[in-house]
Amino acid sequence: MDAHGIDIAEIEELDTRVANAGAIRALEQVADHTCEYIVGIVVIISNG
């Protein structure tokens, strides 16, 4: 893919690239939130 446009042959793969990028970002957010929950539970248990 060049800077000025999209090659006709690459249009078919574009939706896959966008979907993969979105899925990776969603998993990153889930992992971040899960880590925060675990740390929060450990802090509550250790202070309790």
PDB file of N, CA and C in Angstrom:
ATOM      1  N   MET A   1       0.857  -1.176   0.000  1.00  0.00           N
ATOM      2  CA  MET A   1       0.000   0.000   0.000  1.00  0.00           C
ATOM      3  C   MET A   1       0.899   1.234   0.000  1.00  0.00           C
ATOM      4  N   ASP A   2       0.727   2.106  -0.977  1.00  0.00           N
ATOM      5  CA  ASP A   2       1.535   3.315  -1.017  1.00  0.00           C
ATOM      6  C   ASP A   2       0.835   4.454  -0.283  1.00  0.00           C
ATOM      7  N   ALA A   3       1.487   5.577  -0.204  1.00  0.00           N
ATOM      8  CA  ALA A   3       0.949   6.701   0.568  1.00  0.00           C
ATOM      9  C   ALA A   3      -0.190   7.422  -0.145  1.00  0.00           C
ATOM     10  N   HIS A   4      -0.376   7.162  -1.438  1.00  0.00           N
ATOM     11  CA  HIS A   4      -1.360   7.915  -2.202  1.00  0.00           C
ATOM     12  C   HIS A   4      -2.662   7.171  -2.460  1.00  0.00           C
ATOM     13  N   GLY A   5      -2.725   5.930  -2.089  1.00  0.00           N
ATOM     14  CA  GLY A   5      -3.962   5.202  -2.338  1.00  0.00           C
ATOM     15  C   GLY A   5      -3.821   3.734  -2.011  1.00  0.00           C
ATOM     16  N   ILE A   6      -4.875   3.008  -2.319  1.00  0.00           N
ATOM     17  CA  ILE A   6      -4.920   1.582  -2.036  1.00  0.00           C
ATOM     18  C   ILE A   6      -4.948   0.835  -3.359  1.00  0.00           C
ATOM     19  N   ASP A   7      -4.088  -0.134  -3.481  1.00  0.00           N
ATOM     20  CA  ASP A   7      -4.085  -0.981  -4.664  1.00  0.00           C
ATOM     21  C   ASP A   7      -5.353  -1.828  -4.663  1.00  0.00           C
ATOM     22  N   ILE A   8      -5.935  -2.054  -5.814  1.00  0.00           N
ATOM     23  CA  ILE A   8      -7.169  -2.832  -5.939  1.00  0.00           C
ATOM     24  C   ILE A   8      -7.008  -4.210  -5.292  1.00  0.00           C
ATOM     25  N   ALA A   9      -5.854  -4.822  -5.437  1.00  0.00           N
ATOM     26  CA  ALA A   9      -5.629  -6.157  -4.887  1.00  0.00           C
ATOM     27  C   ALA A   9      -5.599  -6.149  -3.362  1.00  0.00           C
ATOM     28  N   GLU A  10      -5.306  -5.010  -2.759  1.00  0.00           N
ATOM     29  CA  GLU A  10      -5.204  -4.933  -1.298  1.00  0.00           C
ATOM     30  C   GLU A  10      -6.544  -4.654  -0.624  1.00  0.00           C
ATOM     31  N   ILE A  11      -7.559  -4.262  -1.365  1.00  0.00           N
ATOM     32  CA  ILE A  11      -8.859  -3.953  -0.776  1.00  0.00           C
ATOM     33  C   ILE A  11      -9.447  -5.195  -0.103  1.00  0.00           C
ATOM     34  N   GLU A  12      -9.253  -6.340  -0.711  1.00  0.00           N
ATOM     35  CA  GLU A  12      -9.788  -7.580  -0.149  1.00  0.00           C
ATOM     36  C   GLU A  12      -9.198  -7.879   1.224  1.00  0.00           C
ATOM     37  N   GLU A  13      -7.930  -7.546   1.436  1.00  0.00           N
ATOM     38  CA  GLU A  13      -7.264  -7.831   2.702  1.00  0.00           C
ATOM     39  C   GLU A  13      -7.438  -6.717   3.723  1.00  0.00           C
ATOM     40  N   LEU A  14      -7.945  -5.583   3.316  1.00  0.00           N
ATOM     41  CA  LEU A  14      -8.036  -4.432   4.217  1.00  0.00           C
ATOM     42  C   LEU A  14      -8.951  -4.708   5.403  1.00  0.00           C
ATOM     43  N   ASP A  15     -10.094  -5.346   5.165  1.00  0.00           N
ATOM     44  CA  ASP A  15     -11.009  -5.613   6.281  1.00  0.00           C
ATOM     45  C   ASP A  15     -10.387  -6.557   7.293  1.00  0.00           C
ATOM     46  N   THR A  16      -9.585  -7.505   6.824  1.00  0.00           N
ATOM     47  CA  THR A  16      -8.904  -8.417   7.747  1.00  0.00           C
ATOM     48  C   THR A  16      -7.887  -7.667   8.596  1.00  0.00           C
ATOM     49  N   ARG A  17      -7.157  -6.755   7.989  1.00  0.00           N
ATOM     50  CA  ARG A  17      -6.169  -5.966   8.746  1.00  0.00           C
ATOM     51  C   ARG A  17      -6.844  -5.107   9.807  1.00  0.00           C
ATOM     52  N   VAL A  18      -7.948  -4.477   9.440  1.00  0.00           N
ATOM     53  CA  VAL A  18      -8.670  -3.624  10.383  1.00  0.00           C
ATOM     54  C   VAL A  18      -9.254  -4.460  11.519  1.00  0.00           C
ATOM     55  N   ALA A  19      -9.829  -5.612  11.173  1.00  0.00           N
ATOM     56  CA  ALA A  19     -10.408  -6.486  12.198  1.00  0.00           C
ATOM     57  C   ALA A  19      -9.331  -6.997  13.150  1.00  0.00           C
ATOM     58  N   ASN A  20      -8.194  -7.387  12.627  1.00  0.00           N
ATOM     59  CA  ASN A  20      -7.103  -7.870  13.477  1.00  0.00           C
ATOM     60  C   ASN A  20      -6.591  -6.775  14.399  1.00  0.00           C
ATOM     61  N   ALA A  21      -6.441  -5.581  13.879  1.00  0.00           N
ATOM     62  CA  ALA A  21      -5.972  -4.469  14.707  1.00  0.00           C
ATOM     63  C   ALA A  21      -6.967  -4.175  15.825  1.00  0.00           C
ATOM     64  N   GLY A  22      -8.258  -4.209  15.510  1.00  0.00           N
ATOM     65  CA  GLY A  22      -9.283  -3.968  16.524  1.00  0.00           C
ATOM     66  C   GLY A  22      -9.299  -5.057  17.579  1.00  0.00           C
ATOM     67  N   ALA A  23      -9.146  -6.308  17.156  1.00  0.00           N
ATOM     68  CA  ALA A  23      -9.148  -7.426  18.105  1.00  0.00           C
ATOM     69  C   ALA A  23      -7.937  -7.361  19.023  1.00  0.00           C
ATOM     70  N   ILE A  24      -6.796  -7.015  18.473  1.00  0.00           N
ATOM     71  CA  ILE A  24      -5.584  -6.905  19.297  1.00  0.00           C
ATOM     72  C   ILE A  24      -5.748  -5.791  20.324  1.00  0.00           C
ATOM     73  N   ARG A  25      -6.292  -4.664  19.910  1.00  0.00           N
ATOM     74  CA  ARG A  25      -6.488  -3.539  20.836  1.00  0.00           C
ATOM     75  C   ARG A  25      -7.481  -3.900  21.939  1.00  0.00           C
ATOM     76  N   ALA A  26      -8.541  -4.609  21.579  1.00  0.00           N
ATOM     77  CA  ALA A  26      -9.531  -5.020  22.574  1.00  0.00           C
ATOM     78  C   ALA A  26      -8.909  -5.966  23.586  1.00  0.00           C
ATOM     79  N   LEU A  27      -8.088  -6.890  23.134  1.00  0.00           N
ATOM     80  CA  LEU A  27      -7.430  -7.821  24.056  1.00  0.00           C
ATOM     81  C   LEU A  27      -6.444  -7.101  24.968  1.00  0.00           C
ATOM     82  N   GLU A  28      -5.775  -6.082  24.442  1.00  0.00           N
ATOM     83  CA  GLU A  28      -4.868  -5.303  25.283  1.00  0.00           C
ATOM     84  C   GLU A  28      -5.634  -4.630  26.415  1.00  0.00           C
ATOM     85  N   GLN A  29      -6.792  -4.078  26.111  1.00  0.00           N
ATOM     86  CA  GLN A  29      -7.588  -3.410  27.134  1.00  0.00           C
ATOM     87  C   GLN A  29      -8.104  -4.403  28.173  1.00  0.00           C
ATOM     88  N   VAL A  30      -8.530  -5.575  27.734  1.00  0.00           N
ATOM     89  CA  VAL A  30      -9.005  -6.606  28.665  1.00  0.00           C
ATOM     90  C   VAL A  30      -7.875  -7.027  29.589  1.00  0.00           C
ATOM     91  N   ALA A  31      -6.694  -7.219  29.035  1.00  0.00           N
ATOM     92  CA  ALA A  31      -5.544  -7.622  29.852  1.00  0.00           C
ATOM     93  C   ALA A  31      -5.187  -6.537  30.867  1.00  0.00           C
ATOM     94  N   ASP A  32      -5.221  -5.274  30.446  1.00  0.00           N
ATOM     95  CA  ASP A  32      -4.927  -4.171  31.361  1.00  0.00           C
ATOM     96  C   ASP A  32      -5.921  -4.124  32.509  1.00  0.00           C
ATOM     97  N   HIS A  33      -7.202  -4.258  32.200  1.00  0.00           N
ATOM     98  CA  HIS A  33      -8.237  -4.205  33.233  1.00  0.00           C
ATOM     99  C   HIS A  33      -8.138  -5.406  34.167  1.00  0.00           C
ATOM    100  N   THR A  34      -7.848  -6.574  33.631  1.00  0.00           N
ATOM    101  CA  THR A  34      -7.705  -7.762  34.460  1.00  0.00           C
ATOM    102  C   THR A  34      -6.541  -7.598  35.426  1.00  0.00           C
ATOM    103  N   CYS A  35      -5.437  -7.076  34.937  1.00  0.00           N
ATOM    104  CA  CYS A  35      -4.273  -6.842  35.805  1.00  0.00           C
ATOM    105  C   CYS A  35      -4.622  -5.848  36.910  1.00  0.00           C
ATOM    106  N   GLU A  36      -5.335  -4.798  36.576  1.00  0.00           N
ATOM    107  CA  GLU A  36      -5.732  -3.815  37.588  1.00  0.00           C
ATOM    108  C   GLU A  36      -6.634  -4.436  38.647  1.00  0.00           C
ATOM    109  N   TYR A  37      -7.564  -5.289  38.234  1.00  0.00           N
ATOM    110  CA  TYR A  37      -8.447  -5.964  39.193  1.00  0.00           C
ATOM    111  C   TYR A  37      -7.657  -6.872  40.117  1.00  0.00           C
ATOM    112  N   ILE A  38      -6.713  -7.625  39.565  1.00  0.00           N
ATOM    113  CA  ILE A  38      -5.908  -8.540  40.378  1.00  0.00           C
ATOM    114  C   ILE A  38      -5.085  -7.757  41.391  1.00  0.00           C
ATOM    115  N   VAL A  39      -4.457  -6.681  40.957  1.00  0.00           N
ATOM    116  CA  VAL A  39      -3.667  -5.867  41.871  1.00  0.00           C
ATOM    117  C   VAL A  39      -4.556  -5.276  42.962  1.00  0.00           C
ATOM    118  N   GLY A  40      -5.732  -4.802  42.577  1.00  0.00           N
ATOM    119  CA  GLY A  40      -6.661  -4.252  43.562  1.00  0.00           C
ATOM    120  C   GLY A  40      -7.085  -5.277  44.597  1.00  0.00           C
ATOM    121  N   ILE A  41      -7.368  -6.500  44.166  1.00  0.00           N
ATOM    122  CA  ILE A  41      -7.763  -7.570  45.100  1.00  0.00           C
ATOM    123  C   ILE A  41      -6.613  -7.916  46.034  1.00  0.00           C
ATOM    124  N   VAL A  42      -5.408  -7.973  45.489  1.00  0.00           N
ATOM    125  CA  VAL A  42      -4.244  -8.278  46.338  1.00  0.00           C
ATOM    126  C   VAL A  42      -4.035  -7.178  47.374  1.00  0.00           C
ATOM    127  N   VAL A  43      -4.226  -5.937  46.995  1.00  0.00           N
ATOM    128  CA  VAL A  43      -4.057  -4.814  47.937  1.00  0.00           C
ATOM    129  C   VAL A  43      -5.121  -4.905  49.016  1.00  0.00           C
ATOM    130  N   ILE A  44      -6.362  -5.198  48.658  1.00  0.00           N
ATOM    131  CA  ILE A  44      -7.440  -5.307  49.638  1.00  0.00           C
ATOM    132  C   ILE A  44      -7.171  -6.452  50.603  1.00  0.00           C
ATOM    133  N   ILE A  45      -6.754  -7.587  50.079  1.00  0.00           N
ATOM    134  CA  ILE A  45      -6.479  -8.758  50.935  1.00  0.00           C
ATOM    135  C   ILE A  45      -5.287  -8.499  51.857  1.00  0.00           C
ATOM    136  N   SER A  46      -4.238  -7.870  51.327  1.00  0.00           N
ATOM    137  CA  SER A  46      -3.058  -7.651  52.165  1.00  0.00           C
ATOM    138  C   SER A  46      -3.299  -6.601  53.241  1.00  0.00           C
ATOM    139  N   ASN A  47      -4.217  -5.659  53.003  1.00  0.00           N
ATOM    140  CA  ASN A  47      -4.519  -4.641  54.002  1.00  0.00           C
ATOM    141  C   ASN A  47      -5.622  -5.067  54.960  1.00  0.00           C
ATOM    142  N   GLY A  48      -6.322  -6.157  54.608  1.00  0.00           N
ATOM    143  CA  GLY A  48      -7.474  -6.586  55.403  1.00  0.00           C
ATOM    144  C   GLY A  48      -7.093  -7.415  56.515  1.00  0.00           C
TER     145      GLY A  48
END
